[in-house]
Protein backbone atom coordinates (compact mmCIF):
# COMPACT_ATOMS: atom_id res chain seq x y z
CA MET A 1 6.14 -8.84 29.22
CA SER A 2 9.20 -12.05 28.48
CA TYR A 3 8.26 -13.52 25.60
CA GLU A 4 8.42 -17.78 25.25
CA ASN A 5 6.45 -18.73 21.75
CA ILE A 6 7.15 -15.47 19.95
CA THR A 7 9.71 -13.30 18.78
CA LEU A 8 8.41 -9.18 18.65
CA GLU A 9 11.24 -7.71 16.55
CA GLN A 10 11.78 -4.08 14.62
CA PRO A 11 13.83 -4.74 12.29
CA GLU A 12 13.78 -1.08 10.52
CA ALA A 13 11.73 2.32 11.27
CA GLY A 14 8.40 1.55 11.90
CA VAL A 15 7.88 -2.54 10.94
CA PHE A 16 7.05 -4.72 13.68
CA LEU A 17 7.57 -8.38 12.30
CA LEU A 18 6.65 -10.59 14.81
CA THR A 19 7.46 -14.06 14.88
CA LEU A 20 5.65 -17.49 16.51
CA ARG A 21 8.19 -19.73 17.48
CA ARG A 22 6.71 -23.21 18.59
CA PRO A 23 8.42 -25.15 16.11
CA ARG A 24 8.21 -28.66 17.56
CA ALA A 25 4.65 -27.77 17.58
CA LEU A 26 4.53 -26.39 14.20
CA ASN A 27 3.89 -22.82 15.74
CA ALA A 28 1.02 -24.04 17.36
CA LEU A 29 -1.52 -21.81 19.08
CA ASP A 30 -2.25 -22.68 22.94
CA SER A 31 -3.63 -20.27 25.78
CA ALA A 32 -0.02 -18.88 26.41
CA THR A 33 0.93 -18.43 23.24
CA LEU A 34 -2.56 -16.30 22.63
CA ASP A 35 -1.41 -13.90 25.42
CA GLU A 36 1.80 -13.67 24.61
CA LEU A 37 0.02 -12.35 20.77
CA ALA A 38 -2.42 -10.28 22.55
CA HIS A 39 0.45 -8.53 24.42
CA ALA A 40 1.74 -8.20 21.79
CA ILE A 41 -0.74 -6.33 19.46
CA ALA A 42 -1.38 -4.31 22.22
CA ARG A 43 2.78 -3.03 22.35
CA VAL A 44 2.25 -2.06 18.45
CA ALA A 45 -1.48 -0.48 18.76
CA ALA A 46 0.11 1.65 21.28
CA ASP A 47 3.02 2.33 19.78
CA GLU A 48 2.39 5.86 18.01
CA GLN A 49 5.98 5.26 15.45
CA ALA A 50 4.12 2.09 14.51
CA ARG A 51 3.67 1.97 10.86
CA VAL A 52 2.78 -1.79 9.66
CA MET A 53 3.00 -4.93 11.43
CA LEU A 54 4.42 -8.13 9.43
CA ILE A 55 3.23 -11.88 10.86
CA THR A 56 5.45 -15.14 10.29
CA GLY A 57 6.24 -18.42 11.77
CA ALA A 58 9.07 -20.02 12.78
CA GLY A 59 10.91 -22.79 10.50
CA GLU A 60 10.54 -23.84 6.69
CA ARG A 61 6.67 -26.03 7.66
CA ALA A 62 4.66 -23.96 8.85
CA PHE A 63 3.40 -20.57 9.57
CA VAL A 64 0.44 -21.77 12.30
CA ALA A 65 0.01 -25.41 12.17
CA GLY A 66 -3.71 -24.41 14.37
CA ALA A 67 -4.43 -24.07 17.40
CA ASP A 68 -3.13 -26.77 20.10
CA ILE A 69 -4.44 -30.00 20.01
CA GLY A 70 -3.37 -31.13 23.29
CA GLU A 71 -4.36 -28.56 24.51
CA MET A 72 -7.91 -29.27 23.95
CA GLN A 73 -8.75 -32.62 24.18
CA ASN A 74 -10.49 -32.80 27.11
CA PHE A 75 -11.50 -29.64 27.08
CA SER A 76 -15.46 -29.06 29.00
CA PRO A 77 -17.70 -27.14 27.09
CA ARG A 78 -16.94 -24.01 29.69
CA GLU A 79 -12.88 -24.99 29.07
CA ALA A 80 -13.40 -24.82 25.30
CA ARG A 81 -15.94 -21.02 25.46
CA ALA A 82 -12.91 -19.68 27.36
CA PHE A 83 -10.75 -20.95 24.68
CA SER A 84 -12.45 -19.70 21.70
CA GLU A 85 -13.54 -16.88 23.38
CA LYS A 86 -9.59 -15.48 24.63
CA GLY A 87 -8.51 -16.92 20.90
CA MET A 88 -11.88 -14.15 19.31
CA ARG A 89 -10.09 -11.58 21.81
CA VAL A 90 -6.94 -11.80 19.90
CA MET A 91 -7.89 -11.88 16.38
CA ARG A 92 -10.04 -8.45 16.56
CA ALA A 93 -7.38 -6.67 18.28
CA LEU A 94 -4.88 -7.45 15.60
CA GLU A 95 -7.62 -6.67 12.38
CA ALA A 96 -8.20 -3.38 14.86
CA LEU A 97 -4.64 -2.23 14.56
CA PRO A 98 -4.43 1.19 13.36
CA VAL A 99 -1.79 -0.27 10.76
CA PRO A 100 -1.47 -2.30 8.13
CA VAL A 101 -0.47 -5.82 9.04
CA ILE A 102 0.32 -8.27 6.37
CA ALA A 103 0.90 -11.85 7.09
CA LEU A 104 3.51 -14.29 6.00
CA VAL A 105 1.91 -17.33 5.33
CA ASN A 106 5.00 -19.83 5.01
CA GLY A 107 3.97 -23.51 4.91
CA TYR A 108 1.00 -24.48 6.58
CA ALA A 109 -1.96 -21.71 7.63
CA LEU A 110 -4.47 -24.22 8.95
CA GLY A 111 -7.27 -23.80 11.75
CA GLY A 112 -6.42 -20.88 14.05
CA GLY A 113 -3.20 -20.56 11.90
CA CYS A 114 -5.36 -19.89 8.91
CA GLU A 115 -8.06 -17.64 11.10
CA ILE A 116 -5.10 -15.44 12.40
CA ALA A 117 -3.99 -15.05 8.40
CA LEU A 118 -7.53 -14.09 7.74
CA ALA A 119 -7.62 -11.22 10.48
CA CYS A 120 -4.28 -9.52 9.68
CA ASP A 121 -5.20 -7.12 6.24
CA TRP A 122 -3.47 -9.26 3.52
CA ILE A 123 -1.73 -12.23 3.10
CA LEU A 124 1.81 -13.24 1.25
CA ALA A 125 2.08 -16.63 0.52
CA ALA A 126 5.00 -18.37 0.02
CA GLU A 127 4.72 -21.36 -2.72
CA ASN A 128 4.74 -24.02 0.07
CA ALA A 129 1.44 -22.76 1.73
CA ALA A 130 -1.33 -23.90 2.63
CA PHE A 131 -4.77 -23.10 4.24
CA GLY A 132 -7.42 -24.69 5.97
CA GLN A 133 -9.69 -24.84 7.96
CA PRO A 134 -10.41 -28.40 9.01
CA GLU A 135 -12.28 -28.72 11.82
CA VAL A 136 -14.15 -30.27 11.11
CA SER A 137 -11.72 -33.58 10.53
CA LEU A 138 -11.45 -33.44 14.80
CA GLY A 139 -15.55 -32.84 15.72
CA ILE A 140 -15.52 -29.30 16.25
CA PRO A 141 -16.54 -26.49 13.42
CA PRO A 142 -13.57 -23.38 13.71
CA GLY A 143 -13.60 -21.20 17.32
CA PHE A 144 -11.43 -18.18 16.04
CA GLY A 145 -13.83 -16.55 13.84
CA GLY A 146 -12.63 -18.75 10.71
CA THR A 147 -16.56 -19.23 9.52
CA GLN A 148 -17.56 -15.49 9.31
CA ARG A 149 -13.42 -14.39 7.81
CA LEU A 150 -13.32 -16.95 5.36
CA PRO A 151 -16.96 -16.50 3.37
CA ARG A 152 -16.49 -12.56 3.57
CA ARG A 153 -12.75 -13.01 2.08
CA VAL A 154 -13.62 -15.69 -0.46
CA GLY A 155 -17.71 -15.91 -0.81
CA ARG A 156 -19.72 -18.11 0.92
CA ALA A 157 -20.20 -21.08 -1.67
CA LEU A 158 -15.63 -21.73 -1.48
CA ALA A 159 -15.60 -20.76 2.31
CA LEU A 160 -18.02 -23.36 3.10
CA GLU A 161 -16.72 -26.40 0.53
CA LEU A 162 -13.83 -25.50 2.73
CA LEU A 163 -15.56 -25.28 6.29
CA THR A 164 -17.41 -28.63 6.11
CA THR A 165 -14.76 -30.81 3.72
CA GLY A 166 -11.77 -29.87 5.45
CA ARG A 167 -9.20 -29.58 2.39
CA GLN A 168 -6.11 -27.82 1.49
CA MET A 169 -5.89 -25.02 -0.75
CA LYS A 170 -2.68 -24.58 -1.94
CA ALA A 171 -0.71 -21.24 -2.45
CA ASP A 172 -1.57 -20.99 -6.47
CA GLU A 173 -5.61 -20.86 -5.68
CA ALA A 174 -4.79 -19.29 -2.79
CA LEU A 175 -3.92 -16.34 -5.36
CA ARG A 176 -6.70 -17.15 -8.18
CA VAL A 177 -9.61 -17.08 -5.04
CA GLY A 178 -8.22 -13.53 -3.47
CA LEU A 179 -6.94 -15.42 -0.06
CA ALA A 180 -3.79 -14.03 -0.84
CA ASN A 181 -2.48 -11.07 -2.83
CA HIS A 182 1.31 -12.54 -3.80
CA VAL A 183 2.81 -15.70 -4.32
CA TYR A 184 6.71 -15.75 -3.87
CA PRO A 185 9.34 -19.02 -3.55
CA ALA A 186 9.95 -18.74 -0.04
CA SER A 187 12.95 -18.03 0.19
CA GLU A 188 12.62 -14.14 -0.07
CA LEU A 189 8.48 -14.07 1.74
CA VAL A 190 9.91 -12.14 4.86
CA GLN A 191 12.93 -10.04 2.30
CA ARG A 192 9.83 -8.94 -0.32
CA GLY A 193 7.12 -8.66 3.36
CA ARG A 194 9.89 -5.74 4.42
CA GLU A 195 9.67 -4.72 1.23
CA MET A 196 5.82 -3.43 0.76
CA ALA A 197 6.36 -3.03 4.92
CA ARG A 198 9.06 -0.17 3.59
CA ALA A 199 6.90 0.81 0.87
CA ILE A 200 3.76 1.44 3.32
CA ALA A 201 6.29 3.53 5.93
CA SER A 202 7.35 5.95 3.25
CA LYS A 203 3.31 7.35 2.55
CA GLY A 204 2.17 9.74 4.95
CA PRO A 205 1.71 7.44 8.43
CA LEU A 206 -1.59 9.68 8.94
CA ALA A 207 -3.18 8.86 5.11
CA VAL A 208 -2.46 5.16 5.62
CA ARG A 209 -4.58 5.08 9.24
CA LEU A 210 -6.89 6.56 7.70
CA ALA A 211 -7.40 4.51 4.60
CA LYS A 212 -7.36 1.90 6.56
CA GLU A 213 -9.15 2.97 9.29
CA ALA A 214 -12.59 4.10 5.99
CA ALA A 215 -11.97 0.10 4.45
CA ARG A 216 -12.47 -1.98 7.57
CA ARG A 217 -15.43 0.58 9.21
CA GLY A 218 -16.78 1.13 5.65
CA GLU A 219 -17.17 -2.32 4.43
CA ASN A 220 -20.17 -3.18 7.03
CA LEU A 221 -21.81 0.29 6.18
CA ASP A 222 -24.14 0.78 3.02
CA LEU A 223 -22.36 2.37 0.28
CA GLY A 224 -23.31 6.09 0.65
CA ASN A 225 -22.49 5.82 4.40
CA ALA A 226 -19.57 4.63 3.82
CA CYS A 227 -18.91 7.47 1.46
CA ALA A 228 -19.99 9.93 3.73
CA LEU A 229 -17.16 8.24 6.03
CA GLU A 230 -14.74 8.98 3.59
CA THR A 231 -15.63 12.33 2.74
CA SER A 232 -15.14 13.16 6.90
CA LEU A 233 -12.04 11.54 6.81
CA PHE A 234 -10.32 13.52 3.60
CA ALA A 235 -11.85 16.11 5.08
CA LEU A 236 -9.43 15.46 8.41
CA ALA A 237 -6.72 14.32 6.67
CA CYS A 238 -6.36 17.76 5.09
CA ALA A 239 -6.25 19.63 8.93
CA THR A 240 -3.11 17.86 9.42
CA SER A 241 1.21 18.88 8.25
CA ASP A 242 1.22 15.58 6.42
CA GLN A 243 -0.82 16.72 4.10
CA LYS A 244 1.18 20.16 3.19
CA GLU A 245 4.26 18.01 3.15
CA GLY A 246 3.08 15.84 0.87
CA MET A 247 1.18 18.44 -1.53
CA ARG A 248 4.15 21.01 -1.43
CA ALA A 249 6.69 18.56 -1.63
CA PHE A 250 4.92 16.95 -4.84
CA LEU A 251 4.95 20.30 -6.75
CA GLU A 252 8.48 21.09 -5.78
CA LYS A 253 9.22 17.13 -7.39
CA ARG A 254 10.55 16.10 -3.66
CA THR A 255 10.25 13.01 -1.06
CA PRO A 256 8.06 14.03 1.51
CA GLN A 257 9.19 14.08 4.95
CA PHE A 258 6.08 12.75 6.56
CA GLN A 259 6.10 13.26 11.12
CA GLY A 260 2.92 11.52 11.34
CA LYS A 261 1.48 14.90 12.53
């Protein structure tokens, strides 16, 4: 499949960089872009050599400014449901990727853009980043998971404030409340993201995948069952060649050569 609204690159081994490219629409999400995102995410999920995926938006003004209002304005309830369900499938697929997914938020991450960032495992923000769920200003609530993922990330009270006032949160506040992990100058954002991706890609790939699986699955379990899940995955890792190589390299004081096996 060829893409018109996104690019999917592999700038170095195991690292994928997905860029949304609708600059005239501030990278807004329409149905065609959601279809392209779904295809690209599936490509990364199927690649056994994948280690990390970075997601960003083209241009200096926006990560993703939201869903495409021009497409949405005349939706019937049936069409609105189909659009929401398509967006939900994309966000779930993004969230379910077995490798870490990092949002590099440059400029506006509003509405659907904020929802994409929330579906990523964590966020690196540029100093000019702005987050928000302004859908109530359009007479609708969020439709791609914002009412559910935002409270889980920043707490219900703050999330409801943002969801019902539609106000934007700047990068410094996003860092303070835990929405963003780090804030960098916009000119350094992709470089910093690639540095972090490179660090992750150098670790045991099966161990990284298992750590993400444990954290994701465990957050919906009580502590006892979550810890039992961790024990099972820990034991599973000890059946791998990577575990033998990692511990041997540590004892031999050398850099491990992981094979993902």
